[in-house]
Amino acid sequence: MSEKEKKIMEKLSDIVSGLPDTKKERLLGVAEGMSIMKEAQENDSSKKG
């Protein structure tokens, strides 16, 4: 993990600990959506290559 990724994870960890559960669920949904989009892009790239 790069230093930038570590800083992002630390910041998110600090933020999440103070959020209400509804906001945590929303953040999780965003992260899951980003993961799905990344996988789709990787699949598209592997089909083209």
N, C-alpha and C. Protein backbone atom coordinates (compact mmCIF):
# COMPACT_ATOMS: atom_id res chain seq x y z
N MET A 1 0.86 -1.17 0.00
CA MET A 1 0.00 0.00 0.00
C MET A 1 0.91 1.24 0.00
N SER A 2 0.60 2.18 -0.85
CA SER A 2 1.40 3.39 -0.95
C SER A 2 1.13 4.31 0.25
N GLU A 3 1.99 5.30 0.41
CA GLU A 3 1.81 6.26 1.50
C GLU A 3 0.51 7.04 1.32
N LYS A 4 0.19 7.37 0.09
CA LYS A 4 -1.04 8.11 -0.18
C LYS A 4 -2.26 7.27 0.21
N GLU A 5 -2.22 5.97 -0.14
CA GLU A 5 -3.32 5.08 0.23
C GLU A 5 -3.44 4.94 1.75
N LYS A 6 -2.31 4.89 2.44
CA LYS A 6 -2.32 4.81 3.90
C LYS A 6 -2.95 6.05 4.51
N LYS A 7 -2.61 7.23 3.97
CA LYS A 7 -3.19 8.47 4.47
C LYS A 7 -4.69 8.51 4.25
N ILE A 8 -5.13 8.03 3.09
CA ILE A 8 -6.56 7.99 2.80
C ILE A 8 -7.27 7.08 3.79
N MET A 9 -6.71 5.91 4.04
CA MET A 9 -7.32 4.95 4.96
C MET A 9 -7.36 5.50 6.39
N GLU A 10 -6.30 6.17 6.81
CA GLU A 10 -6.27 6.75 8.15
C GLU A 10 -7.34 7.84 8.29
N LYS A 11 -7.45 8.69 7.28
CA LYS A 11 -8.44 9.76 7.31
C LYS A 11 -9.85 9.20 7.34
N LEU A 12 -10.11 8.21 6.49
CA LEU A 12 -11.44 7.59 6.48
C LEU A 12 -11.75 6.93 7.82
N SER A 13 -10.76 6.29 8.41
CA SER A 13 -10.94 5.65 9.70
C SER A 13 -11.33 6.67 10.76
N ASP A 14 -10.64 7.81 10.76
CA ASP A 14 -10.96 8.87 11.72
C ASP A 14 -12.38 9.40 11.52
N ILE A 15 -12.75 9.58 10.27
CA ILE A 15 -14.06 10.14 9.95
C ILE A 15 -15.17 9.16 10.30
N VAL A 16 -15.01 7.90 9.91
CA VAL A 16 -16.06 6.89 10.09
C VAL A 16 -16.39 6.68 11.56
N SER A 17 -15.39 6.72 12.41
CA SER A 17 -15.64 6.46 13.83
C SER A 17 -16.60 7.46 14.44
N GLY A 18 -16.71 8.65 13.87
CA GLY A 18 -17.61 9.66 14.41
C GLY A 18 -18.94 9.79 13.69
N LEU A 19 -19.17 8.96 12.70
CA LEU A 19 -20.40 9.05 11.91
C LEU A 19 -21.53 8.24 12.53
N PRO A 20 -22.77 8.70 12.34
CA PRO A 20 -23.90 7.85 12.73
C PRO A 20 -24.02 6.67 11.77
N ASP A 21 -24.72 5.65 12.20
CA ASP A 21 -24.83 4.42 11.39
C ASP A 21 -25.38 4.66 9.99
N THR A 22 -26.32 5.58 9.85
CA THR A 22 -26.89 5.83 8.53
C THR A 22 -25.83 6.36 7.57
N LYS A 23 -24.96 7.22 8.06
CA LYS A 23 -23.89 7.76 7.21
C LYS A 23 -22.85 6.68 6.91
N LYS A 24 -22.59 5.81 7.87
CA LYS A 24 -21.65 4.71 7.64
C LYS A 24 -22.17 3.79 6.54
N GLU A 25 -23.48 3.52 6.56
CA GLU A 25 -24.09 2.67 5.53
C GLU A 25 -23.99 3.33 4.16
N ARG A 26 -24.19 4.63 4.12
CA ARG A 26 -24.10 5.35 2.85
C ARG A 26 -22.67 5.30 2.32
N LEU A 27 -21.70 5.52 3.19
CA LEU A 27 -20.29 5.45 2.78
C LEU A 27 -19.93 4.06 2.28
N LEU A 28 -20.42 3.05 2.96
CA LEU A 28 -20.18 1.67 2.53
C LEU A 28 -20.77 1.42 1.14
N GLY A 29 -21.96 1.94 0.91
CA GLY A 29 -22.59 1.79 -0.41
C GLY A 29 -21.78 2.45 -1.50
N VAL A 30 -21.24 3.62 -1.22
CA VAL A 30 -20.39 4.31 -2.20
C VAL A 30 -19.15 3.49 -2.49
N ALA A 31 -18.51 2.98 -1.43
CA ALA A 31 -17.30 2.17 -1.60
C ALA A 31 -17.59 0.90 -2.40
N GLU A 32 -18.71 0.26 -2.12
CA GLU A 32 -19.06 -0.95 -2.86
C GLU A 32 -19.33 -0.63 -4.32
N GLY A 33 -19.97 0.49 -4.58
CA GLY A 33 -20.21 0.92 -5.95
C GLY A 33 -18.92 1.19 -6.69
N MET A 34 -17.96 1.82 -6.02
CA MET A 34 -16.66 2.08 -6.64
C MET A 34 -15.95 0.78 -6.96
N SER A 35 -16.08 -0.20 -6.07
CA SER A 35 -15.46 -1.50 -6.29
C SER A 35 -16.07 -2.20 -7.50
N ILE A 36 -17.37 -2.13 -7.63
CA ILE A 36 -18.06 -2.74 -8.77
C ILE A 36 -17.62 -2.08 -10.08
N MET A 37 -17.52 -0.76 -10.06
CA MET A 37 -17.09 -0.04 -11.27
C MET A 37 -15.65 -0.40 -11.64
N LYS A 38 -14.78 -0.53 -10.66
CA LYS A 38 -13.39 -0.90 -10.92
C LYS A 38 -13.31 -2.29 -11.55
N GLU A 39 -14.07 -3.23 -11.00
CA GLU A 39 -14.09 -4.58 -11.54
C GLU A 39 -14.61 -4.58 -12.98
N ALA A 40 -15.64 -3.80 -13.24
CA ALA A 40 -16.20 -3.73 -14.59
C ALA A 40 -15.18 -3.16 -15.57
N GLN A 41 -14.44 -2.14 -15.15
CA GLN A 41 -13.42 -1.56 -16.01
C GLN A 41 -12.30 -2.56 -16.27
N GLU A 42 -11.92 -3.30 -15.25
CA GLU A 42 -10.87 -4.30 -15.43
C GLU A 42 -11.33 -5.41 -16.38
N ASN A 43 -12.57 -5.80 -16.26
CA ASN A 43 -13.12 -6.82 -17.16
C ASN A 43 -13.17 -6.32 -18.59
N ASP A 44 -13.55 -5.08 -18.79
CA ASP A 44 -13.57 -4.49 -20.13
C ASP A 44 -12.16 -4.43 -20.70
N SER A 45 -11.19 -4.07 -19.88
CA SER A 45 -9.81 -3.96 -20.34
C SER A 45 -9.25 -5.33 -20.72
N SER A 46 -9.59 -6.35 -19.95
CA SER A 46 -9.07 -7.69 -20.24
C SER A 46 -9.71 -8.27 -21.50
N LYS A 47 -10.93 -7.90 -21.80
CA LYS A 47 -11.59 -8.38 -23.02
C LYS A 47 -11.01 -7.71 -24.26
N LYS A 48 -10.59 -6.46 -24.13
CA LYS A 48 -10.01 -5.74 -25.26
C LYS A 48 -8.58 -6.16 -25.53
N GLY A 49 -7.86 -6.56 -24.45
CA GLY A 49 -6.44 -6.86 -24.57
C GLY A 49 -6.21 -8.26 -24.96
